[in-house]
Protein backbone atom coordinates (compact mmCIF):
# COMPACT_ATOMS: atom_id res chain seq x y z
CA MET A 1 41.50 -18.77 -47.23
CA ASN A 2 40.43 -15.25 -46.45
CA PRO A 3 36.68 -15.34 -45.68
CA LEU A 4 36.30 -11.87 -47.16
CA LEU A 5 37.40 -13.21 -50.53
CA GLN A 6 35.34 -16.40 -50.71
CA ASP A 7 32.89 -15.10 -53.27
CA GLN A 8 35.03 -12.33 -54.67
CA THR A 9 37.66 -12.22 -57.33
CA VAL A 10 41.01 -11.02 -56.14
CA SER A 11 41.98 -8.29 -58.53
CA ALA A 12 44.17 -5.30 -58.70
CA PRO A 13 42.23 -2.06 -58.90
CA THR A 14 44.63 -0.60 -61.44
CA ARG A 15 47.34 -3.02 -62.45
CA SER A 16 50.01 -1.31 -64.41
CA SER A 17 52.89 -2.75 -66.36
CA GLN A 18 55.10 -1.41 -63.58
CA ASP A 19 53.18 -3.49 -61.02
CA GLU A 20 53.44 -6.53 -63.25
CA GLN A 21 57.18 -6.01 -63.71
CA LEU A 22 57.66 -5.66 -59.96
CA LEU A 23 55.86 -8.97 -59.36
CA LEU A 24 57.85 -10.61 -62.14
CA ASP A 25 61.10 -9.35 -60.58
CA ILE A 26 60.13 -10.59 -57.11
CA LEU A 27 59.10 -14.02 -58.39
CA ASN A 28 62.19 -14.29 -60.58
CA GLU A 29 64.50 -13.56 -57.64
CA GLU A 30 62.55 -15.96 -55.44
CA HIS A 31 62.83 -18.67 -58.09
CA LEU A 32 66.57 -18.14 -58.59
CA CYS A 33 67.16 -18.28 -54.85
CA LEU A 34 65.05 -21.43 -54.59
CA LEU A 35 67.08 -23.08 -57.36
CA GLN A 36 70.30 -22.26 -55.48
CA VAL A 37 68.89 -23.73 -52.26
CA THR A 38 67.82 -26.88 -54.12
CA GLU A 39 71.30 -27.27 -55.61
CA LEU A 40 72.91 -26.81 -52.19
CA LEU A 41 70.56 -29.38 -50.65
CA SER A 42 71.57 -31.87 -53.32
CA ARG A 43 75.26 -31.19 -52.66
CA GLU A 44 74.59 -31.37 -48.92
CA HIS A 45 73.00 -34.80 -49.41
CA ASP A 46 76.13 -36.03 -51.17
CA ALA A 47 78.34 -34.64 -48.40
CA ILE A 48 76.19 -36.30 -45.73
CA VAL A 49 76.26 -39.66 -47.48
CA HIS A 50 80.04 -39.45 -47.87
CA HIS A 51 80.53 -38.20 -44.27
CA ASP A 52 82.30 -35.08 -45.56
CA THR A 53 81.82 -32.85 -42.52
CA GLU A 54 84.04 -30.11 -43.90
CA GLN A 55 81.90 -29.84 -47.03
CA MET A 56 78.73 -30.01 -44.93
CA GLY A 57 79.90 -27.01 -42.88
CA HIS A 58 80.84 -25.10 -46.02
CA LEU A 59 77.43 -25.78 -47.58
CA LEU A 60 75.63 -24.80 -44.38
CA ASP A 61 77.46 -21.47 -44.44
CA LYS A 62 76.09 -20.91 -47.96
CA LYS A 63 72.62 -22.31 -47.29
CA LEU A 64 71.68 -20.19 -44.28
CA PRO A 65 71.98 -16.80 -46.06
CA LEU A 66 70.05 -18.19 -49.04
CA LEU A 67 67.24 -19.36 -46.77
CA SER A 68 67.15 -15.89 -45.25
CA GLN A 69 66.99 -14.34 -48.75
CA LEU A 70 64.23 -16.75 -49.72
CA GLU A 71 62.23 -15.65 -46.71
CA GLN A 72 62.76 -11.99 -47.66
CA TRP A 73 61.50 -12.59 -51.21
CA ASP A 74 58.48 -14.39 -49.78
CA GLN A 75 57.74 -11.38 -47.55
CA GLN A 76 58.11 -8.98 -50.48
CA ARG A 77 55.67 -11.08 -52.50
CA GLN A 78 53.19 -10.97 -49.64
CA GLN A 79 53.61 -7.21 -49.25
CA TYR A 80 53.14 -6.74 -53.00
CA PHE A 81 49.87 -8.65 -52.89
CA HIS A 82 48.59 -6.74 -49.88
CA GLN A 83 49.50 -3.34 -51.34
CA LEU A 84 48.00 -4.18 -54.70
CA THR A 85 44.73 -5.71 -53.51
CA GLY A 86 44.28 -4.30 -50.01
CA PHE A 87 43.69 -7.82 -48.71
CA PRO A 88 45.93 -9.73 -46.32
CA TYR A 89 48.07 -12.38 -47.98
CA HIS A 90 46.87 -15.98 -48.11
CA ASP A 91 48.43 -18.60 -50.37
CA SER A 92 45.12 -19.56 -51.96
CA ASP A 93 44.16 -15.93 -52.62
CA PHE A 94 47.54 -15.20 -54.17
CA ALA A 95 47.29 -18.30 -56.37
CA ARG A 96 43.84 -17.19 -57.50
CA TYR A 97 45.15 -13.68 -58.21
CA ILE A 98 47.98 -15.14 -60.30
CA SER A 99 45.64 -17.37 -62.29
CA GLU A 100 43.04 -14.65 -62.88
CA GLN A 101 45.05 -11.43 -63.16
CA ALA A 102 48.71 -12.09 -63.91
CA SER A 103 50.40 -12.35 -67.28
CA GLU A 104 51.50 -15.66 -68.76
CA PRO A 105 55.20 -15.19 -67.78
CA VAL A 106 54.20 -14.50 -64.16
CA GLN A 107 51.90 -17.52 -64.14
CA ARG A 108 54.65 -19.82 -65.50
CA LEU A 109 57.16 -18.51 -62.97
CA TRP A 110 54.70 -19.05 -60.11
CA GLU A 111 54.08 -22.60 -61.32
CA LEU A 112 57.84 -23.26 -61.27
CA ILE A 113 58.11 -21.92 -57.73
CA THR A 114 55.16 -23.89 -56.41
CA ALA A 115 56.52 -27.07 -58.03
CA GLN A 116 60.04 -26.52 -56.67
CA LEU A 117 59.06 -25.76 -53.05
CA PRO A 118 57.82 -29.28 -52.16
CA GLU A 119 60.92 -30.84 -53.75
CA CYS A 120 63.13 -28.54 -51.70
CA LYS A 121 61.23 -29.31 -48.52
CA THR A 122 61.43 -33.06 -49.14
CA GLN A 123 65.18 -32.97 -49.79
CA ASN A 124 65.76 -30.88 -46.66
CA GLU A 125 63.72 -33.31 -44.55
CA LEU A 126 65.60 -36.28 -46.02
CA ASN A 127 68.95 -34.67 -45.24
CA GLY A 128 67.76 -33.97 -41.70
CA ARG A 129 66.65 -37.59 -41.18
CA ILE A 130 69.98 -38.93 -42.44
CA ILE A 131 71.91 -36.59 -40.15
CA SER A 132 69.69 -37.60 -37.23
CA MET A 133 70.29 -41.30 -37.92
CA GLN A 134 74.04 -40.75 -38.21
CA LYS A 135 74.04 -38.81 -34.95
CA LYS A 136 72.12 -41.58 -33.19
CA ASN A 137 74.55 -44.21 -34.51
CA THR A 138 77.53 -42.14 -33.37
CA GLU A 139 76.00 -41.72 -29.91
CA GLN A 140 75.42 -45.49 -29.66
CA ILE A 141 79.02 -46.20 -30.67
CA LEU A 142 80.26 -43.71 -28.06
CA GLN A 143 78.07 -45.35 -25.43
CA ILE A 144 79.56 -48.73 -26.26
CA LEU A 145 83.12 -47.40 -26.25
CA THR A 146 82.65 -45.67 -22.91
CA GLY A 147 80.70 -48.56 -21.44
CA GLN A 148 77.48 -46.61 -21.16
CA SER A 149 74.57 -48.58 -22.48
CA ALA A 150 71.05 -47.31 -22.13
CA ASN A 151 69.74 -50.89 -21.93
CA ILE A 152 71.94 -52.06 -19.06
CA THR A 153 70.52 -51.84 -15.58
CA GLN A 154 72.96 -50.63 -12.97
CA THR A 155 74.27 -53.23 -10.55
CA TYR A 156 77.08 -52.81 -8.08
CA SER A 157 80.16 -54.99 -7.67
CA HIS A 158 81.77 -55.95 -4.38
CA LEU A 159 83.89 -52.75 -4.76
CA GLY A 160 80.79 -50.55 -5.10
CA GLN A 161 81.28 -49.86 -8.81
CA THR A 162 78.48 -50.08 -11.33
CA SER A 163 78.96 -52.41 -14.26
CA GLN A 164 79.15 -49.28 -16.44
CA GLN A 165 81.94 -47.84 -14.31
CA LYS A 166 83.85 -51.12 -14.51
CA LYS A 167 83.58 -51.14 -18.31
CA ALA A 168 84.61 -47.49 -18.56
CA ALA A 169 87.58 -48.15 -16.30
CA LEU A 170 88.53 -51.12 -18.44
CA TYR A 171 88.42 -49.04 -21.65
CA THR A 172 90.33 -46.13 -20.17
CA SER A 173 93.03 -48.37 -18.76
CA VAL A 174 93.71 -49.96 -22.17
């Protein structure tokens, strides 16, 4: 929280309907973009679960530009707040501004955004954990197939080969 605003009300010196419309437009675009990201994350989850790497790549190609757009809308919202109030942007100050100064449609839209963000973050983290687990499993399978086990200590045979080299040679000769 901005220490300059602790005992002050964040307010716009002269809030016009034009200012209000600009904020409404910014929040609306941010919300629409967030909804698209959430939908893509859901589809990405399905693709991950079904091991559909082609679909995962396609969704990633769509998701990255949307995340960039989402960041741009966030920056525009922060700039709007700073230009309107003269104070640097802080989440708590913006939330207080919305609750004290903004119209009902802006307040409802902000509530939708703040409710959707944690859901989006949770789904993204879940997808990341699943991908990480799948990657780890794949690496373990590859280690087994190539005879490379992280838990095996290296010992040498009478020919000077490690047990891992012997296993790898066995698999490659088959």
